[in-house]
Amino acid sequence: MSQVPPPNYANYPRPGMGPNASDLRNLADGYFGLNQVFIINIVLNFASRLLGQVSTPQTVWFIIFGYAIVMMAAITALTLPHNKKIAAGMGWDPSKATLASVLMGLNSAFCCGIIGYIIMQSYAAKKFREAGAPRSFFGFKKAELYAFIDQLQYQQGQTNQTF
């Protein structure tokens, strides 16, 4: 059963409610960091297409298996710092960031790996929307989001001062 808000209730952001600026900064760092890792992931996947052309039929399975292990390890290592920032911003246990990175590494070894990036970035984007961050048609613009976070940090600093 849904609760009915009291009369004259206005749903607007109130000081002290919602994500704080340091959490949003961690989320933003992780969000935009995963964009960079995804580009590296795409480049590595396209580079893997060249491996089949330089190998003999006898070595193809060895190369594919070796590539999958290298790709998994590389993507896991590259996504881990960014997933840790998202986990910190979400208030999660750090082990969830490690699990997410391992799963993203596994996924990238077998296909492009876009699913893991979308999931982790959607968690961060949800918090950005909750905080009222400006967004565009294709998501969040880096400069606008960091300016919003700076403004929020300034406002939170003003409300936390005691007089």
N, C-alpha and C. Protein backbone atom coordinates (compact mmCIF):
# COMPACT_ATOMS: atom_id res chain seq x y z
N MET A 1 0.84 -1.16 0.00
CA MET A 1 0.00 0.00 0.00
C MET A 1 0.90 1.24 0.00
N SER A 2 0.64 2.17 -0.88
CA SER A 2 1.46 3.37 -0.96
C SER A 2 0.97 4.39 0.06
N GLN A 3 1.91 5.15 0.57
CA GLN A 3 1.58 6.18 1.54
C GLN A 3 1.24 7.46 0.83
N VAL A 4 0.24 8.12 1.30
CA VAL A 4 -0.18 9.40 0.74
C VAL A 4 0.59 10.49 1.46
N PRO A 5 1.24 11.40 0.71
CA PRO A 5 1.99 12.47 1.38
C PRO A 5 1.04 13.42 2.11
N PRO A 6 1.52 14.06 3.16
CA PRO A 6 0.68 14.99 3.90
C PRO A 6 0.27 16.18 3.03
N PRO A 7 -0.81 16.88 3.41
CA PRO A 7 -1.22 18.06 2.64
C PRO A 7 -0.10 19.09 2.59
N ASN A 8 -0.05 19.82 1.52
CA ASN A 8 0.96 20.87 1.29
C ASN A 8 2.38 20.31 1.20
N TYR A 9 2.52 19.03 0.89
CA TYR A 9 3.84 18.42 0.75
C TYR A 9 4.43 18.81 -0.59
N ALA A 10 5.69 19.21 -0.58
CA ALA A 10 6.38 19.55 -1.81
C ALA A 10 7.63 18.67 -1.92
N ASN A 11 7.75 17.97 -3.03
CA ASN A 11 8.88 17.08 -3.24
C ASN A 11 10.01 17.88 -3.90
N TYR A 12 10.87 18.44 -3.09
CA TYR A 12 12.03 19.17 -3.59
C TYR A 12 13.23 18.80 -2.74
N PRO A 13 14.42 18.98 -3.28
CA PRO A 13 15.61 18.61 -2.50
C PRO A 13 15.75 19.47 -1.25
N ARG A 14 16.02 18.84 -0.15
CA ARG A 14 16.22 19.54 1.11
C ARG A 14 17.66 19.37 1.55
N PRO A 15 18.23 20.34 2.25
CA PRO A 15 19.62 20.20 2.72
C PRO A 15 19.77 18.96 3.59
N GLY A 16 20.85 18.24 3.36
CA GLY A 16 21.13 17.05 4.14
C GLY A 16 20.48 15.79 3.61
N MET A 17 19.63 15.92 2.60
CA MET A 17 19.00 14.73 2.03
C MET A 17 19.64 14.42 0.69
N GLY A 18 19.66 13.17 0.35
CA GLY A 18 20.25 12.79 -0.92
C GLY A 18 21.75 12.58 -0.80
N PRO A 19 22.39 12.27 -1.90
CA PRO A 19 23.83 12.00 -1.87
C PRO A 19 24.62 13.27 -1.55
N ASN A 20 25.72 13.10 -0.82
CA ASN A 20 26.56 14.26 -0.54
C ASN A 20 27.57 14.46 -1.67
N ALA A 21 28.25 15.57 -1.64
CA ALA A 21 29.13 15.95 -2.74
C ALA A 21 30.30 14.98 -2.90
N SER A 22 30.87 14.51 -1.80
CA SER A 22 32.02 13.60 -1.93
C SER A 22 31.60 12.27 -2.54
N ASP A 23 30.40 11.79 -2.19
CA ASP A 23 29.91 10.56 -2.82
C ASP A 23 29.67 10.78 -4.32
N LEU A 24 29.09 11.92 -4.66
CA LEU A 24 28.85 12.23 -6.08
C LEU A 24 30.16 12.36 -6.85
N ARG A 25 31.18 12.92 -6.21
CA ARG A 25 32.48 13.05 -6.89
C ARG A 25 33.07 11.67 -7.15
N ASN A 26 32.99 10.77 -6.18
CA ASN A 26 33.46 9.40 -6.40
C ASN A 26 32.69 8.74 -7.53
N LEU A 27 31.38 8.91 -7.51
CA LEU A 27 30.55 8.33 -8.57
C LEU A 27 30.92 8.90 -9.94
N ALA A 28 31.13 10.20 -10.01
CA ALA A 28 31.48 10.84 -11.28
C ALA A 28 32.85 10.37 -11.77
N ASP A 29 33.81 10.27 -10.86
CA ASP A 29 35.14 9.78 -11.25
C ASP A 29 35.04 8.36 -11.81
N GLY A 30 34.28 7.51 -11.14
CA GLY A 30 34.11 6.14 -11.62
C GLY A 30 33.33 6.08 -12.92
N TYR A 31 32.29 6.88 -13.04
CA TYR A 31 31.44 6.92 -14.23
C TYR A 31 32.25 7.28 -15.46
N PHE A 32 33.00 8.38 -15.39
CA PHE A 32 33.76 8.82 -16.56
C PHE A 32 35.02 7.97 -16.77
N GLY A 33 35.55 7.39 -15.69
CA GLY A 33 36.69 6.48 -15.84
C GLY A 33 36.31 5.22 -16.59
N LEU A 34 35.09 4.72 -16.34
CA LEU A 34 34.64 3.53 -17.07
C LEU A 34 34.45 3.82 -18.55
N ASN A 35 34.11 5.06 -18.90
CA ASN A 35 34.03 5.42 -20.32
C ASN A 35 35.36 5.19 -21.01
N GLN A 36 36.44 5.62 -20.36
CA GLN A 36 37.77 5.47 -20.95
C GLN A 36 38.16 3.99 -21.06
N VAL A 37 37.85 3.21 -20.04
CA VAL A 37 38.18 1.78 -20.09
C VAL A 37 37.37 1.09 -21.18
N PHE A 38 36.13 1.51 -21.38
CA PHE A 38 35.32 0.90 -22.43
C PHE A 38 35.93 1.15 -23.81
N ILE A 39 36.47 2.32 -24.03
CA ILE A 39 37.15 2.60 -25.31
C ILE A 39 38.35 1.68 -25.47
N ILE A 40 39.11 1.48 -24.41
CA ILE A 40 40.24 0.55 -24.47
C ILE A 40 39.74 -0.86 -24.77
N ASN A 41 38.64 -1.24 -24.16
CA ASN A 41 38.03 -2.55 -24.39
C ASN A 41 37.69 -2.73 -25.87
N ILE A 42 37.08 -1.73 -26.47
CA ILE A 42 36.72 -1.80 -27.90
C ILE A 42 37.97 -1.94 -28.76
N VAL A 43 38.99 -1.15 -28.47
CA VAL A 43 40.23 -1.22 -29.25
C VAL A 43 40.87 -2.60 -29.14
N LEU A 44 40.89 -3.17 -27.94
CA LEU A 44 41.45 -4.51 -27.76
C LEU A 44 40.63 -5.57 -28.50
N ASN A 45 39.32 -5.40 -28.53
CA ASN A 45 38.49 -6.35 -29.27
C ASN A 45 38.74 -6.27 -30.77
N PHE A 46 38.90 -5.06 -31.29
CA PHE A 46 39.22 -4.94 -32.72
C PHE A 46 40.61 -5.48 -33.01
N ALA A 47 41.55 -5.26 -32.10
CA ALA A 47 42.90 -5.77 -32.29
C ALA A 47 42.92 -7.30 -32.30
N SER A 48 42.00 -7.91 -31.56
CA SER A 48 41.96 -9.37 -31.52
C SER A 48 41.61 -9.97 -32.88
N ARG A 49 40.95 -9.20 -33.71
CA ARG A 49 40.59 -9.70 -35.05
C ARG A 49 41.84 -9.94 -35.90
N LEU A 50 42.91 -9.23 -35.59
CA LEU A 50 44.16 -9.40 -36.32
C LEU A 50 44.87 -10.70 -35.94
N LEU A 51 44.60 -11.20 -34.73
CA LEU A 51 45.28 -12.41 -34.27
C LEU A 51 44.95 -13.62 -35.13
N GLY A 52 43.72 -13.72 -35.59
CA GLY A 52 43.31 -14.86 -36.41
C GLY A 52 43.99 -14.86 -37.77
N GLN A 53 44.42 -13.72 -38.24
CA GLN A 53 45.03 -13.63 -39.56
C GLN A 53 46.52 -13.98 -39.54
N VAL A 54 47.15 -13.87 -38.38
CA VAL A 54 48.58 -14.14 -38.33
C VAL A 54 48.90 -15.52 -37.77
N SER A 55 47.88 -16.33 -37.51
CA SER A 55 48.13 -17.63 -36.91
C SER A 55 47.80 -18.75 -37.89
N THR A 56 48.35 -19.89 -37.59
CA THR A 56 48.06 -21.08 -38.37
C THR A 56 46.86 -21.79 -37.74
N PRO A 57 46.19 -22.64 -38.48
CA PRO A 57 45.02 -23.33 -37.90
C PRO A 57 45.36 -24.14 -36.64
N GLN A 58 46.58 -24.62 -36.53
CA GLN A 58 46.96 -25.42 -35.37
C GLN A 58 47.08 -24.56 -34.10
N THR A 59 47.42 -23.31 -34.25
CA THR A 59 47.63 -22.47 -33.08
C THR A 59 46.45 -21.56 -32.74
N VAL A 60 45.40 -21.64 -33.53
CA VAL A 60 44.27 -20.72 -33.33
C VAL A 60 43.65 -20.87 -31.94
N TRP A 61 43.43 -22.09 -31.45
CA TRP A 61 42.82 -22.28 -30.14
C TRP A 61 43.72 -21.78 -29.03
N PHE A 62 45.00 -22.00 -29.17
CA PHE A 62 45.95 -21.50 -28.18
C PHE A 62 45.91 -19.98 -28.12
N ILE A 63 45.85 -19.33 -29.25
CA ILE A 63 45.82 -17.87 -29.31
C ILE A 63 44.50 -17.34 -28.74
N ILE A 64 43.40 -17.98 -29.08
CA ILE A 64 42.09 -17.53 -28.57
C ILE A 64 42.04 -17.67 -27.05
N PHE A 65 42.51 -18.78 -26.52
CA PHE A 65 42.50 -18.99 -25.07
C PHE A 65 43.42 -17.99 -24.38
N GLY A 66 44.60 -17.80 -24.93
CA GLY A 66 45.55 -16.83 -24.36
C GLY A 66 45.00 -15.41 -24.41
N TYR A 67 44.37 -15.07 -25.51
CA TYR A 67 43.78 -13.73 -25.64
C TYR A 67 42.67 -13.54 -24.60
N ALA A 68 41.83 -14.54 -24.40
CA ALA A 68 40.74 -14.42 -23.44
C ALA A 68 41.27 -14.18 -22.03
N ILE A 69 42.32 -14.88 -21.65
CA ILE A 69 42.91 -14.69 -20.32
C ILE A 69 43.52 -13.30 -20.18
N VAL A 70 44.26 -12.88 -21.19
CA VAL A 70 44.89 -11.55 -21.15
C VAL A 70 43.81 -10.46 -21.12
N MET A 71 42.79 -10.60 -21.93
CA MET A 71 41.71 -9.61 -21.98
C MET A 71 40.98 -9.53 -20.64
N MET A 72 40.69 -10.69 -20.06
CA MET A 72 40.01 -10.69 -18.77
C MET A 72 40.85 -10.01 -17.70
N ALA A 73 42.12 -10.34 -17.65
CA ALA A 73 43.00 -9.75 -16.63
C ALA A 73 43.15 -8.24 -16.84
N ALA A 74 43.30 -7.82 -18.09
CA ALA A 74 43.48 -6.39 -18.37
C ALA A 74 42.24 -5.59 -18.01
N ILE A 75 41.08 -6.04 -18.43
CA ILE A 75 39.84 -5.30 -18.16
C ILE A 75 39.53 -5.32 -16.67
N THR A 76 39.77 -6.44 -16.01
CA THR A 76 39.56 -6.50 -14.56
C THR A 76 40.43 -5.47 -13.86
N ALA A 77 41.71 -5.43 -14.22
CA ALA A 77 42.63 -4.48 -13.59
C ALA A 77 42.28 -3.03 -13.91
N LEU A 78 41.86 -2.76 -15.14
CA LEU A 78 41.56 -1.39 -15.54
C LEU A 78 40.24 -0.88 -14.94
N THR A 79 39.26 -1.76 -14.76
CA THR A 79 37.97 -1.31 -14.23
C THR A 79 37.95 -1.25 -12.70
N LEU A 80 38.83 -1.97 -12.04
CA LEU A 80 38.78 -2.06 -10.58
C LEU A 80 38.86 -0.69 -9.88
N PRO A 81 39.79 0.20 -10.23
CA PRO A 81 39.81 1.49 -9.51
C PRO A 81 38.52 2.30 -9.72
N HIS A 82 37.96 2.23 -10.89
CA HIS A 82 36.74 2.99 -11.18
C HIS A 82 35.52 2.37 -10.50
N ASN A 83 35.47 1.04 -10.48
CA ASN A 83 34.38 0.38 -9.77
C ASN A 83 34.48 0.59 -8.27
N LYS A 84 35.70 0.70 -7.74
CA LYS A 84 35.88 1.00 -6.31
C LYS A 84 35.33 2.38 -5.98
N LYS A 85 35.52 3.33 -6.88
CA LYS A 85 34.98 4.68 -6.65
C LYS A 85 33.46 4.66 -6.68
N ILE A 86 32.89 3.92 -7.62
CA ILE A 86 31.43 3.82 -7.68
C ILE A 86 30.91 3.12 -6.42
N ALA A 87 31.58 2.06 -5.98
CA ALA A 87 31.16 1.36 -4.77
C ALA A 87 31.24 2.28 -3.55
N ALA A 88 32.30 3.08 -3.47
CA ALA A 88 32.43 4.03 -2.35
C ALA A 88 31.31 5.06 -2.40
N GLY A 89 31.00 5.56 -3.57
CA GLY A 89 29.94 6.55 -3.71
C GLY A 89 28.56 5.99 -3.41
N MET A 90 28.38 4.70 -3.65
CA MET A 90 27.10 4.05 -3.38
C MET A 90 27.01 3.55 -1.93
N GLY A 91 28.15 3.54 -1.23
CA GLY A 91 28.15 3.03 0.14
C GLY A 91 28.21 1.52 0.21
N TRP A 92 28.74 0.89 -0.83
CA TRP A 92 28.83 -0.57 -0.89
C TRP A 92 30.11 -1.06 -0.24
N ASP A 93 30.13 -2.34 0.03
CA ASP A 93 31.34 -3.02 0.47
C ASP A 93 32.33 -3.08 -0.70
N PRO A 94 33.63 -2.88 -0.48
CA PRO A 94 34.60 -2.92 -1.58
C PRO A 94 34.64 -4.24 -2.35
N SER A 95 34.21 -5.33 -1.72
CA SER A 95 34.22 -6.61 -2.43
C SER A 95 33.26 -6.62 -3.61
N LYS A 96 32.21 -5.80 -3.56
CA LYS A 96 31.28 -5.72 -4.68
C LYS A 96 31.96 -5.10 -5.90
N ALA A 97 32.87 -4.16 -5.67
CA ALA A 97 33.61 -3.56 -6.78
C ALA A 97 34.52 -4.60 -7.42
N THR A 98 35.15 -5.41 -6.60
CA THR A 98 36.03 -6.46 -7.14
C THR A 98 35.22 -7.48 -7.94
N LEU A 99 34.09 -7.87 -7.41
CA LEU A 99 33.23 -8.82 -8.12
C LEU A 99 32.77 -8.23 -9.45
N ALA A 100 32.35 -6.97 -9.43
CA ALA A 100 31.91 -6.32 -10.67
C ALA A 100 33.04 -6.28 -11.70
N SER A 101 34.25 -5.97 -11.26
CA SER A 101 35.38 -5.91 -12.19
C SER A 101 35.72 -7.26 -12.78
N VAL A 102 35.67 -8.30 -11.96
CA VAL A 102 35.94 -9.66 -12.46
C VAL A 102 34.88 -10.06 -13.48
N LEU A 103 33.63 -9.78 -13.17
CA LEU A 103 32.56 -10.12 -14.12
C LEU A 103 32.68 -9.31 -15.41
N MET A 104 33.08 -8.04 -15.30
CA MET A 104 33.28 -7.24 -16.51
C MET A 104 34.44 -7.79 -17.33
N GLY A 105 35.49 -8.26 -16.65
CA GLY A 105 36.62 -8.86 -17.35
C GLY A 105 36.22 -10.14 -18.08
N LEU A 106 35.45 -10.98 -17.40
CA LEU A 106 34.96 -12.21 -18.04
C LEU A 106 34.08 -11.90 -19.25
N ASN A 107 33.19 -10.95 -19.09
CA ASN A 107 32.28 -10.58 -20.16
C ASN A 107 33.03 -9.99 -21.35
N SER A 108 34.06 -9.22 -21.08
CA SER A 108 34.81 -8.60 -22.18
C SER A 108 35.65 -9.62 -22.94
N ALA A 109 36.00 -10.72 -22.29
CA ALA A 109 36.80 -11.75 -22.96
C ALA A 109 35.96 -12.50 -24.00
N PHE A 110 34.66 -12.55 -23.80
CA PHE A 110 33.81 -13.31 -24.71
C PHE A 110 33.01 -12.44 -25.67
N CYS A 111 32.82 -11.21 -25.32
CA CYS A 111 32.14 -10.27 -26.22
C CYS A 111 32.63 -8.87 -25.86
N CYS A 112 31.96 -7.90 -26.27
CA CYS A 112 32.41 -6.53 -26.07
C CYS A 112 32.41 -6.12 -24.59
N GLY A 113 31.57 -6.69 -23.78
CA GLY A 113 31.54 -6.38 -22.36
C GLY A 113 30.70 -5.18 -21.99
N ILE A 114 29.86 -4.73 -22.88
CA ILE A 114 29.11 -3.49 -22.64
C ILE A 114 28.12 -3.61 -21.49
N ILE A 115 27.64 -4.81 -21.21
CA ILE A 115 26.62 -4.99 -20.18
C ILE A 115 27.12 -4.51 -18.82
N GLY A 116 28.30 -4.91 -18.43
CA GLY A 116 28.85 -4.50 -17.14
C GLY A 116 29.03 -3.00 -17.03
N TYR A 117 29.48 -2.38 -18.10
CA TYR A 117 29.66 -0.93 -18.09
C TYR A 117 28.31 -0.22 -17.91
N ILE A 118 27.31 -0.70 -18.62
CA ILE A 118 25.97 -0.09 -18.53
C ILE A 118 25.43 -0.24 -17.12
N ILE A 119 25.58 -1.40 -16.52
CA ILE A 119 25.04 -1.63 -15.17
C ILE A 119 25.71 -0.72 -14.15
N MET A 120 27.04 -0.69 -14.15
CA MET A 120 27.75 0.13 -13.16
C MET A 120 27.47 1.62 -13.37
N GLN A 121 27.43 2.06 -14.62
CA GLN A 121 27.17 3.47 -14.86
C GLN A 121 25.72 3.83 -14.56
N SER A 122 24.81 2.88 -14.68
CA SER A 122 23.42 3.19 -14.37
C SER A 122 23.23 3.41 -12.87
N TYR A 123 23.99 2.70 -12.03
CA TYR A 123 23.94 2.95 -10.59
C TYR A 123 24.37 4.38 -10.29
N ALA A 124 25.47 4.79 -10.90
CA ALA A 124 25.96 6.16 -10.67
C ALA A 124 24.97 7.18 -11.21
N ALA A 125 24.42 6.93 -12.39
CA ALA A 125 23.49 7.88 -13.01
C ALA A 125 22.23 8.04 -12.15
N LYS A 126 21.80 6.99 -11.51
CA LYS A 126 20.62 7.08 -10.65
C LYS A 126 20.87 8.05 -9.50
N LYS A 127 22.06 7.98 -8.91
CA LYS A 127 22.40 8.91 -7.83
C LYS A 127 22.53 10.34 -8.35
N PHE A 128 23.05 10.51 -9.57
CA PHE A 128 23.14 11.86 -10.15
C PHE A 128 21.74 12.45 -10.31
N ARG A 129 20.82 11.63 -10.80
CA ARG A 129 19.44 12.11 -10.98
C ARG A 129 18.79 12.44 -9.64
N GLU A 130 19.04 11.60 -8.63
CA GLU A 130 18.48 11.87 -7.30
C GLU A 130 18.97 13.20 -6.75
N ALA A 131 20.21 13.55 -7.04
CA ALA A 131 20.78 14.80 -6.55
C ALA A 131 20.32 15.99 -7.37
N GLY A 132 19.73 15.74 -8.54
CA GLY A 132 19.26 16.83 -9.39
C GLY A 132 20.30 17.35 -10.35
N ALA A 133 21.28 16.51 -10.69
CA ALA A 133 22.35 16.93 -11.61
C ALA A 133 21.80 17.16 -13.01
N PRO A 134 22.33 18.16 -13.72
CA PRO A 134 21.86 18.41 -15.09
C PRO A 134 22.34 17.31 -16.02
N ARG A 135 21.49 16.95 -16.96
CA ARG A 135 21.89 15.92 -17.93
C ARG A 135 21.41 16.32 -19.31
N SER A 136 22.05 15.70 -20.28
CA SER A 136 21.70 15.97 -21.67
C SER A 136 21.04 14.73 -22.25
N PHE A 137 20.79 14.75 -23.53
CA PHE A 137 20.12 13.64 -24.20
C PHE A 137 20.92 12.34 -24.10
N PHE A 138 22.25 12.43 -24.20
CA PHE A 138 23.10 11.25 -24.19
C PHE A 138 23.70 10.95 -22.83
N GLY A 139 23.22 11.55 -21.78
CA GLY A 139 23.76 11.28 -20.45
C GLY A 139 24.23 12.54 -19.78
N PHE A 140 25.33 12.43 -19.08
CA PHE A 140 25.85 13.54 -18.30
C PHE A 140 27.12 14.07 -18.95
N LYS A 141 27.21 15.40 -19.02
CA LYS A 141 28.41 16.03 -19.53
C LYS A 141 29.37 16.24 -18.37
N LYS A 142 30.62 15.91 -18.61
CA LYS A 142 31.61 15.92 -17.54
C LYS A 142 31.74 17.29 -16.88
N ALA A 143 31.90 18.33 -17.67
CA ALA A 143 32.11 19.67 -17.11
C ALA A 143 30.89 20.12 -16.31
N GLU A 144 29.70 19.88 -16.83
CA GLU A 144 28.48 20.29 -16.13
C GLU A 144 28.30 19.51 -14.83
N LEU A 145 28.59 18.23 -14.86
CA LEU A 145 28.41 17.40 -13.67
C LEU A 145 29.38 17.82 -12.57
N TYR A 146 30.66 18.04 -12.93
CA TYR A 146 31.63 18.45 -11.92
C TYR A 146 31.32 19.86 -11.39
N ALA A 147 30.81 20.74 -12.23
CA ALA A 147 30.40 22.07 -11.77
C ALA A 147 29.24 21.94 -10.78
N PHE A 148 28.29 21.06 -11.08
CA PHE A 148 27.17 20.81 -10.18
C PHE A 148 27.67 20.28 -8.84
N ILE A 149 28.62 19.35 -8.89
CA ILE A 149 29.15 18.77 -7.66
C ILE A 149 29.89 19.84 -6.85
N ASP A 150 30.66 20.69 -7.52
CA ASP A 150 31.35 21.77 -6.82
C ASP A 150 30.36 22.71 -6.14
N GLN A 151 29.28 23.02 -6.83
CA GLN A 151 28.25 23.89 -6.26
C GLN A 151 27.58 23.21 -5.06
N LEU A 152 27.29 21.93 -5.20
CA LEU A 152 26.68 21.18 -4.11
C LEU A 152 27.62 21.11 -2.91
N GLN A 153 28.90 20.92 -3.16
CA GLN A 153 29.88 20.86 -2.08
C GLN A 153 29.94 22.20 -1.36
N TYR A 154 29.88 23.29 -2.10
CA TYR A 154 29.88 24.62 -1.51
C TYR A 154 28.63 24.80 -0.64
N GLN A 155 27.47 24.40 -1.16
CA GLN A 155 26.23 24.53 -0.40
C GLN A 155 26.24 23.67 0.85
N GLN A 156 26.74 22.47 0.73
CA GLN A 156 26.80 21.59 1.90
C GLN A 156 27.79 22.11 2.93
N GLY A 157 28.84 22.75 2.45
CA GLY A 157 29.80 23.38 3.37
C GLY A 157 29.16 24.53 4.11
N GLN A 158 28.30 25.28 3.42
CA GLN A 158 27.60 26.41 4.06
C GLN A 158 26.59 25.93 5.09
N THR A 159 25.89 24.85 4.81
CA THR A 159 24.86 24.38 5.74
C THR A 159 25.47 23.64 6.92
N ASN A 160 26.71 23.14 6.79
CA ASN A 160 27.36 22.41 7.87
C ASN A 160 28.07 23.33 8.85
N GLN A 161 28.20 24.59 8.53
CA GLN A 161 28.89 25.53 9.43
C GLN A 161 28.00 25.83 10.62
N THR A 162 28.63 25.92 11.79
CA THR A 162 27.87 26.30 12.98
C THR A 162 28.18 27.75 13.31
N PHE A 163 27.16 28.46 13.74
CA PHE A 163 27.33 29.89 14.04
C PHE A 163 27.21 30.13 15.52
